[in-house]
Amino acid sequence: RHQAELNPRAPRLLRRLEDAARQARALGA
């Protein structure tokens, strides 16, 4: 969310941060 405000033109970074959150949830499971 912070990066979306700071770097709105970095869709790849935002997508990878979203993926990382999902991956952390999957690894936790």
PDB file of all heavy atoms in Angstrom:
ATOM      1  N   ARG A   1       0.838  -1.215   0.000  1.00  0.00           N
ATOM      2  CA  ARG A   1       0.000   0.000   0.000  1.00  0.00           C
ATOM      3  C   ARG A   1       0.868   1.259   0.000  1.00  0.00           C
ATOM      4  O   ARG A   1       0.588   2.213  -0.737  1.00  0.00           O
ATOM      5  CB  ARG A   1      -0.958  -0.002   1.193  1.00  0.00           C
ATOM      6  CG  ARG A   1      -2.129  -0.953   1.006  1.00  0.00           C
ATOM      7  CD  ARG A   1      -3.242  -0.718   2.013  1.00  0.00           C
ATOM      8  NE  ARG A   1      -2.838  -0.896   3.388  1.00  0.00           N
ATOM      9  CZ  ARG A   1      -2.838  -2.054   4.037  1.00  0.00           C
ATOM     10  NH1 ARG A   1      -3.208  -3.152   3.418  1.00  0.00           N
ATOM     11  NH2 ARG A   1      -2.459  -2.111   5.304  1.00  0.00           N
ATOM     12  N   HIS A   2       1.937   1.260   0.809  1.00  0.00           N
ATOM     13  CA  HIS A   2       2.836   2.423   0.822  1.00  0.00           C
ATOM     14  C   HIS A   2       3.518   2.594  -0.527  1.00  0.00           C
ATOM     15  O   HIS A   2       3.666   3.720  -1.017  1.00  0.00           O
ATOM     16  CB  HIS A   2       3.881   2.297   1.928  1.00  0.00           C
ATOM     17  CG  HIS A   2       3.328   2.539   3.291  1.00  0.00           C
ATOM     18  ND1 HIS A   2       3.757   1.859   4.390  1.00  0.00           N
ATOM     19  CD2 HIS A   2       2.360   3.378   3.746  1.00  0.00           C
ATOM     20  CE1 HIS A   2       3.098   2.267   5.460  1.00  0.00           C
ATOM     21  NE2 HIS A   2       2.235   3.176   5.088  1.00  0.00           N
ATOM     22  N   GLN A   3       3.948   1.501  -1.110  1.00  0.00           N
ATOM     23  CA  GLN A   3       4.623   1.589  -2.407  1.00  0.00           C
ATOM     24  C   GLN A   3       3.654   2.039  -3.506  1.00  0.00           C
ATOM     25  O   GLN A   3       4.065   2.692  -4.460  1.00  0.00           O
ATOM     26  CB  GLN A   3       5.271   0.260  -2.773  1.00  0.00           C
ATOM     27  CG  GLN A   3       6.502  -0.048  -1.954  1.00  0.00           C
ATOM     28  CD  GLN A   3       7.546   1.056  -2.063  1.00  0.00           C
ATOM     29  OE1 GLN A   3       7.990   1.413  -3.143  1.00  0.00           O
ATOM     30  NE2 GLN A   3       7.942   1.605  -0.920  1.00  0.00           N
ATOM     31  N   ALA A   4       2.390   1.690  -3.373  1.00  0.00           N
ATOM     32  CA  ALA A   4       1.397   2.152  -4.356  1.00  0.00           C
ATOM     33  C   ALA A   4       1.293   3.674  -4.329  1.00  0.00           C
ATOM     34  O   ALA A   4       1.107   4.312  -5.373  1.00  0.00           O
ATOM     35  CB  ALA A   4       0.038   1.511  -4.076  1.00  0.00           C
ATOM     36  N   GLU A   5       1.452   4.270  -3.135  1.00  0.00           N
ATOM     37  CA  GLU A   5       1.440   5.725  -3.014  1.00  0.00           C
ATOM     38  C   GLU A   5       2.760   6.326  -3.490  1.00  0.00           C
ATOM     39  O   GLU A   5       2.761   7.347  -4.176  1.00  0.00           O
ATOM     40  CB  GLU A   5       1.196   6.139  -1.562  1.00  0.00           C
ATOM     41  CG  GLU A   5      -0.185   5.783  -1.043  1.00  0.00           C
ATOM     42  CD  GLU A   5      -0.318   6.040   0.454  1.00  0.00           C
ATOM     43  OE1 GLU A   5       0.563   6.716   1.042  1.00  0.00           O
ATOM     44  OE2 GLU A   5      -1.299   5.548   1.027  1.00  0.00           O
ATOM     45  N   LEU A   6       3.878   5.698  -3.119  1.00  0.00           N
ATOM     46  CA  LEU A   6       5.196   6.248  -3.453  1.00  0.00           C
ATOM     47  C   LEU A   6       5.605   5.986  -4.903  1.00  0.00           C
ATOM     48  O   LEU A   6       6.282   6.807  -5.516  1.00  0.00           O
ATOM     49  CB  LEU A   6       6.259   5.647  -2.530  1.00  0.00           C
ATOM     50  CG  LEU A   6       6.149   5.993  -1.055  1.00  0.00           C
ATOM     51  CD1 LEU A   6       7.130   5.158  -0.243  1.00  0.00           C
ATOM     52  CD2 LEU A   6       6.402   7.476  -0.843  1.00  0.00           C
ATOM     53  N   ASN A   7       5.247   4.828  -5.422  1.00  0.00           N
ATOM     54  CA  ASN A   7       5.663   4.414  -6.768  1.00  0.00           C
ATOM     55  C   ASN A   7       4.472   3.882  -7.559  1.00  0.00           C
ATOM     56  O   ASN A   7       4.437   2.714  -7.932  1.00  0.00           O
ATOM     57  CB  ASN A   7       6.734   3.314  -6.666  1.00  0.00           C
ATOM     58  CG  ASN A   7       8.008   3.820  -6.041  1.00  0.00           C
ATOM     59  OD1 ASN A   7       8.622   4.735  -6.562  1.00  0.00           O
ATOM     60  ND2 ASN A   7       8.388   3.230  -4.927  1.00  0.00           N
ATOM     61  N   PRO A   8       3.495   4.746  -7.849  1.00  0.00           N
ATOM     62  CA  PRO A   8       2.307   4.260  -8.563  1.00  0.00           C
ATOM     63  C   PRO A   8       2.609   3.750  -9.974  1.00  0.00           C
ATOM     64  O   PRO A   8       1.839   2.978 -10.532  1.00  0.00           O
ATOM     65  CB  PRO A   8       1.375   5.475  -8.600  1.00  0.00           C
ATOM     66  CG  PRO A   8       2.268   6.654  -8.407  1.00  0.00           C
ATOM     67  CD  PRO A   8       3.436   6.171  -7.588  1.00  0.00           C
ATOM     68  N   ARG A   9       3.760   4.139 -10.501  1.00  0.00           N
ATOM     69  CA  ARG A   9       4.126   3.699 -11.857  1.00  0.00           C
ATOM     70  C   ARG A   9       5.075   2.509 -11.830  1.00  0.00           C
ATOM     71  O   ARG A   9       5.843   2.312 -12.774  1.00  0.00           O
ATOM     72  CB  ARG A   9       4.749   4.857 -12.626  1.00  0.00           C
ATOM     73  CG  ARG A   9       3.748   5.966 -12.845  1.00  0.00           C
ATOM     74  CD  ARG A   9       4.252   7.006 -13.787  1.00  0.00           C
ATOM     75  NE  ARG A   9       3.223   8.025 -13.938  1.00  0.00           N
ATOM     76  CZ  ARG A   9       3.436   9.304 -13.892  1.00  0.00           C
ATOM     77  NH1 ARG A   9       4.663   9.748 -13.735  1.00  0.00           N
ATOM     78  NH2 ARG A   9       2.460  10.157 -14.031  1.00  0.00           N
ATOM     79  N   ALA A  10       5.003   1.733 -10.773  1.00  0.00           N
ATOM     80  CA  ALA A  10       5.827   0.527 -10.657  1.00  0.00           C
ATOM     81  C   ALA A  10       4.903  -0.685 -10.491  1.00  0.00           C
ATOM     82  O   ALA A  10       4.924  -1.353  -9.456  1.00  0.00           O
ATOM     83  CB  ALA A  10       6.784   0.657  -9.480  1.00  0.00           C
ATOM     84  N   PRO A  11       4.102  -0.974 -11.525  1.00  0.00           N
ATOM     85  CA  PRO A  11       3.120  -2.058 -11.379  1.00  0.00           C
ATOM     86  C   PRO A  11       3.760  -3.425 -11.124  1.00  0.00           C
ATOM     87  O   PRO A  11       3.200  -4.248 -10.407  1.00  0.00           O
ATOM     88  CB  PRO A  11       2.344  -2.042 -12.695  1.00  0.00           C
ATOM     89  CG  PRO A  11       3.247  -1.352 -13.661  1.00  0.00           C
ATOM     90  CD  PRO A  11       4.062  -0.382 -12.857  1.00  0.00           C
ATOM     91  N   ARG A  12       4.944  -3.641 -11.683  1.00  0.00           N
ATOM     92  CA  ARG A  12       5.604  -4.933 -11.472  1.00  0.00           C
ATOM     93  C   ARG A  12       5.985  -5.110 -10.002  1.00  0.00           C
ATOM     94  O   ARG A  12       5.773  -6.172  -9.415  1.00  0.00           O
ATOM     95  CB  ARG A  12       6.825  -5.055 -12.367  1.00  0.00           C
ATOM     96  CG  ARG A  12       7.518  -6.377 -12.222  1.00  0.00           C
ATOM     97  CD  ARG A  12       8.659  -6.520 -13.184  1.00  0.00           C
ATOM     98  NE  ARG A  12       9.416  -7.710 -12.813  1.00  0.00           N
ATOM     99  CZ  ARG A  12      10.647  -7.932 -13.176  1.00  0.00           C
ATOM    100  NH1 ARG A  12      11.285  -7.065 -13.942  1.00  0.00           N
ATOM    101  NH2 ARG A  12      11.253  -9.024 -12.813  1.00  0.00           N
ATOM    102  N   LEU A  13       6.540  -4.069  -9.389  1.00  0.00           N
ATOM    103  CA  LEU A  13       6.895  -4.123  -7.981  1.00  0.00           C
ATOM    104  C   LEU A  13       5.649  -4.372  -7.137  1.00  0.00           C
ATOM    105  O   LEU A  13       5.656  -5.215  -6.241  1.00  0.00           O
ATOM    106  CB  LEU A  13       7.576  -2.828  -7.543  1.00  0.00           C
ATOM    107  CG  LEU A  13       7.850  -2.689  -6.041  1.00  0.00           C
ATOM    108  CD1 LEU A  13       8.838  -3.749  -5.567  1.00  0.00           C
ATOM    109  CD2 LEU A  13       8.354  -1.287  -5.721  1.00  0.00           C
ATOM    110  N   LEU A  14       4.579  -3.652  -7.426  1.00  0.00           N
ATOM    111  CA  LEU A  14       3.344  -3.805  -6.652  1.00  0.00           C
ATOM    112  C   LEU A  14       2.775  -5.213  -6.797  1.00  0.00           C
ATOM    113  O   LEU A  14       2.326  -5.823  -5.824  1.00  0.00           O
ATOM    114  CB  LEU A  14       2.316  -2.757  -7.082  1.00  0.00           C
ATOM    115  CG  LEU A  14       2.759  -1.298  -6.897  1.00  0.00           C
ATOM    116  CD1 LEU A  14       1.702  -0.346  -7.448  1.00  0.00           C
ATOM    117  CD2 LEU A  14       3.060  -1.008  -5.438  1.00  0.00           C
ATOM    118  N   ARG A  15       2.833  -5.734  -8.003  1.00  0.00           N
ATOM    119  CA  ARG A  15       2.351  -7.100  -8.259  1.00  0.00           C
ATOM    120  C   ARG A  15       3.211  -8.123  -7.505  1.00  0.00           C
ATOM    121  O   ARG A  15       2.702  -9.061  -6.907  1.00  0.00           O
ATOM    122  CB  ARG A  15       2.365  -7.374  -9.765  1.00  0.00           C
ATOM    123  CG  ARG A  15       1.555  -8.541 -10.205  1.00  0.00           C
ATOM    124  CD  ARG A  15       1.406  -8.633 -11.729  1.00  0.00           C
ATOM    125  NE  ARG A  15       2.600  -8.332 -12.488  1.00  0.00           N
ATOM    126  CZ  ARG A  15       2.798  -7.199 -13.193  1.00  0.00           C
ATOM    127  NH1 ARG A  15       1.881  -6.256 -13.232  1.00  0.00           N
ATOM    128  NH2 ARG A  15       3.925  -7.009 -13.861  1.00  0.00           N
ATOM    129  N   ARG A  16       4.528  -7.902  -7.511  1.00  0.00           N
ATOM    130  CA  ARG A  16       5.427  -8.838  -6.823  1.00  0.00           C
ATOM    131  C   ARG A  16       5.244  -8.774  -5.305  1.00  0.00           C
ATOM    132  O   ARG A  16       5.347  -9.788  -4.619  1.00  0.00           O
ATOM    133  CB  ARG A  16       6.879  -8.563  -7.217  1.00  0.00           C
ATOM    134  CG  ARG A  16       7.122  -8.977  -8.682  1.00  0.00           C
ATOM    135  CD  ARG A  16       8.515  -8.768  -9.084  1.00  0.00           C
ATOM    136  NE  ARG A  16       9.317  -9.887  -8.576  1.00  0.00           N
ATOM    137  CZ  ARG A  16      10.592 -10.034  -8.816  1.00  0.00           C
ATOM    138  NH1 ARG A  16      11.232  -9.146  -9.547  1.00  0.00           N
ATOM    139  NH2 ARG A  16      11.253 -11.062  -8.338  1.00  0.00           N
ATOM    140  N   LEU A  17       4.958  -7.583  -4.761  1.00  0.00           N
ATOM    141  CA  LEU A  17       4.672  -7.475  -3.333  1.00  0.00           C
ATOM    142  C   LEU A  17       3.374  -8.209  -2.988  1.00  0.00           C
ATOM    143  O   LEU A  17       3.283  -8.876  -1.957  1.00  0.00           O
ATOM    144  CB  LEU A  17       4.588  -6.008  -2.909  1.00  0.00           C
ATOM    145  CG  LEU A  17       5.931  -5.291  -2.790  1.00  0.00           C
ATOM    146  CD1 LEU A  17       5.730  -3.780  -2.741  1.00  0.00           C
ATOM    147  CD2 LEU A  17       6.685  -5.778  -1.563  1.00  0.00           C
ATOM    148  N   GLU A  18       2.386  -8.085  -3.858  1.00  0.00           N
ATOM    149  CA  GLU A  18       1.128  -8.813  -3.671  1.00  0.00           C
ATOM    150  C   GLU A  18       1.367 -10.324  -3.731  1.00  0.00           C
ATOM    151  O   GLU A  18       0.851 -11.078  -2.905  1.00  0.00           O
ATOM    152  CB  GLU A  18       0.154  -8.403  -4.782  1.00  0.00           C
ATOM    153  CG  GLU A  18      -1.282  -8.352  -4.386  1.00  0.00           C
ATOM    154  CD  GLU A  18      -2.108  -7.729  -5.485  1.00  0.00           C
ATOM    155  OE1 GLU A  18      -2.052  -6.493  -5.645  1.00  0.00           O
ATOM    156  OE2 GLU A  18      -2.790  -8.492  -6.188  1.00  0.00           O
ATOM    157  N   ASP A  19       2.164 -10.739  -4.702  1.00  0.00           N
ATOM    158  CA  ASP A  19       2.504 -12.166  -4.828  1.00  0.00           C
ATOM    159  C   ASP A  19       3.245 -12.656  -3.587  1.00  0.00           C
ATOM    160  O   ASP A  19       2.989 -13.755  -3.093  1.00  0.00           O
ATOM    161  CB  ASP A  19       3.375 -12.418  -6.058  1.00  0.00           C
ATOM    162  CG  ASP A  19       2.642 -12.231  -7.370  1.00  0.00           C
ATOM    163  OD1 ASP A  19       1.393 -12.175  -7.360  1.00  0.00           O
ATOM    164  OD2 ASP A  19       3.325 -12.132  -8.409  1.00  0.00           O
ATOM    165  N   ALA A  20       4.158 -11.840  -3.078  1.00  0.00           N
ATOM    166  CA  ALA A  20       4.947 -12.235  -1.905  1.00  0.00           C
ATOM    167  C   ALA A  20       4.050 -12.441  -0.688  1.00  0.00           C
ATOM    168  O   ALA A  20       4.269 -13.374   0.094  1.00  0.00           O
ATOM    169  CB  ALA A  20       6.023 -11.188  -1.607  1.00  0.00           C
ATOM    170  N   ALA A  21       3.032 -11.599  -0.541  1.00  0.00           N
ATOM    171  CA  ALA A  21       2.099 -11.772   0.583  1.00  0.00           C
ATOM    172  C   ALA A  21       1.347 -13.098   0.436  1.00  0.00           C
ATOM    173  O   ALA A  21       1.188 -13.832   1.424  1.00  0.00           O
ATOM    174  CB  ALA A  21       1.121 -10.599   0.650  1.00  0.00           C
ATOM    175  N   ARG A  22       0.899 -13.403  -0.766  1.00  0.00           N
ATOM    176  CA  ARG A  22       0.199 -14.685  -1.007  1.00  0.00           C
ATOM    177  C   ARG A  22       1.152 -15.861  -0.768  1.00  0.00           C
ATOM    178  O   ARG A  22       0.769 -16.876  -0.190  1.00  0.00           O
ATOM    179  CB  ARG A  22      -0.343 -14.745  -2.433  1.00  0.00           C
ATOM    180  CG  ARG A  22      -1.708 -14.137  -2.591  1.00  0.00           C
ATOM    181  CD  ARG A  22      -2.348 -14.517  -3.909  1.00  0.00           C
ATOM    182  NE  ARG A  22      -1.557 -14.184  -5.077  1.00  0.00           N
ATOM    183  CZ  ARG A  22      -1.549 -12.993  -5.668  1.00  0.00           C
ATOM    184  NH1 ARG A  22      -2.298 -12.030  -5.213  1.00  0.00           N
ATOM    185  NH2 ARG A  22      -0.798 -12.780  -6.720  1.00  0.00           N
ATOM    186  N   GLN A  23       2.392 -15.727  -1.208  1.00  0.00           N
ATOM    187  CA  GLN A  23       3.372 -16.800  -1.030  1.00  0.00           C
ATOM    188  C   GLN A  23       3.683 -17.016   0.447  1.00  0.00           C
ATOM    189  O   GLN A  23       3.838 -18.157   0.894  1.00  0.00           O
ATOM    190  CB  GLN A  23       4.641 -16.478  -1.822  1.00  0.00           C
ATOM    191  CG  GLN A  23       4.423 -16.527  -3.313  1.00  0.00           C
ATOM    192  CD  GLN A  23       5.525 -15.838  -4.101  1.00  0.00           C
ATOM    193  OE1 GLN A  23       6.346 -15.110  -3.556  1.00  0.00           O
ATOM    194  NE2 GLN A  23       5.536 -16.058  -5.411  1.00  0.00           N
ATOM    195  N   ALA A  24       3.773 -15.942   1.221  1.00  0.00           N
ATOM    196  CA  ALA A  24       4.010 -16.070   2.664  1.00  0.00           C
ATOM    197  C   ALA A  24       2.836 -16.800   3.319  1.00  0.00           C
ATOM    198  O   ALA A  24       3.031 -17.657   4.182  1.00  0.00           O
ATOM    199  CB  ALA A  24       4.205 -14.695   3.307  1.00  0.00           C
ATOM    200  N   ARG A  25       1.624 -16.470   2.882  1.00  0.00           N
ATOM    201  CA  ARG A  25       0.440 -17.152   3.418  1.00  0.00           C
ATOM    202  C   ARG A  25       0.471 -18.639   3.053  1.00  0.00           C
ATOM    203  O   ARG A  25       0.197 -19.499   3.890  1.00  0.00           O
ATOM    204  CB  ARG A  25      -0.825 -16.477   2.883  1.00  0.00           C
ATOM    205  CG  ARG A  25      -2.094 -16.955   3.509  1.00  0.00           C
ATOM    206  CD  ARG A  25      -3.342 -16.143   3.129  1.00  0.00           C
ATOM    207  NE  ARG A  25      -3.424 -15.736   1.746  1.00  0.00           N
ATOM    208  CZ  ARG A  25      -3.281 -14.473   1.311  1.00  0.00           C
ATOM    209  NH1 ARG A  25      -3.039 -13.498   2.165  1.00  0.00           N
ATOM    210  NH2 ARG A  25      -3.387 -14.179   0.032  1.00  0.00           N
ATOM    211  N   ALA A  26       0.856 -18.958   1.816  1.00  0.00           N
ATOM    212  CA  ALA A  26       0.920 -20.356   1.374  1.00  0.00           C
ATOM    213  C   ALA A  26       2.004 -21.127   2.135  1.00  0.00           C
ATOM    214  O   ALA A  26       1.779 -22.266   2.552  1.00  0.00           O
ATOM    215  CB  ALA A  26       1.186 -20.424  -0.131  1.00  0.00           C
ATOM    216  N   LEU A  27       3.156 -20.501   2.325  1.00  0.00           N
ATOM    217  CA  LEU A  27       4.221 -21.172   3.072  1.00  0.00           C
ATOM    218  C   LEU A  27       3.808 -21.362   4.530  1.00  0.00           C
ATOM    219  O   LEU A  27       4.072 -22.411   5.126  1.00  0.00           O
ATOM    220  CB  LEU A  27       5.531 -20.393   2.968  1.00  0.00           C
ATOM    221  CG  LEU A  27       6.740 -21.019   3.660  1.00  0.00           C
ATOM    222  CD1 LEU A  27       7.014 -22.438   3.145  1.00  0.00           C
ATOM    223  CD2 LEU A  27       7.970 -20.139   3.472  1.00  0.00           C
ATOM    224  N   GLY A  28       3.144 -20.377   5.097  1.00  0.00           N
ATOM    225  CA  GLY A  28       2.650 -20.509   6.465  1.00  0.00           C
ATOM    226  C   GLY A  28       1.674 -21.674   6.584  1.00  0.00           C
ATOM    227  O   GLY A  28       1.736 -22.454   7.547  1.00  0.00           O
ATOM    228  N   ALA A  29       0.795 -21.819   5.596  1.00  0.00           N
ATOM    229  CA  ALA A  29      -0.152 -22.945   5.602  1.00  0.00           C
ATOM    230  C   ALA A  29       0.587 -24.270   5.469  1.00  0.00           C
ATOM    231  O   ALA A  29       0.220 -25.264   6.117  1.00  0.00           O
ATOM    232  CB  ALA A  29      -1.169 -22.778   4.473  1.00  0.00           C
TER     233      ALA A  29
END
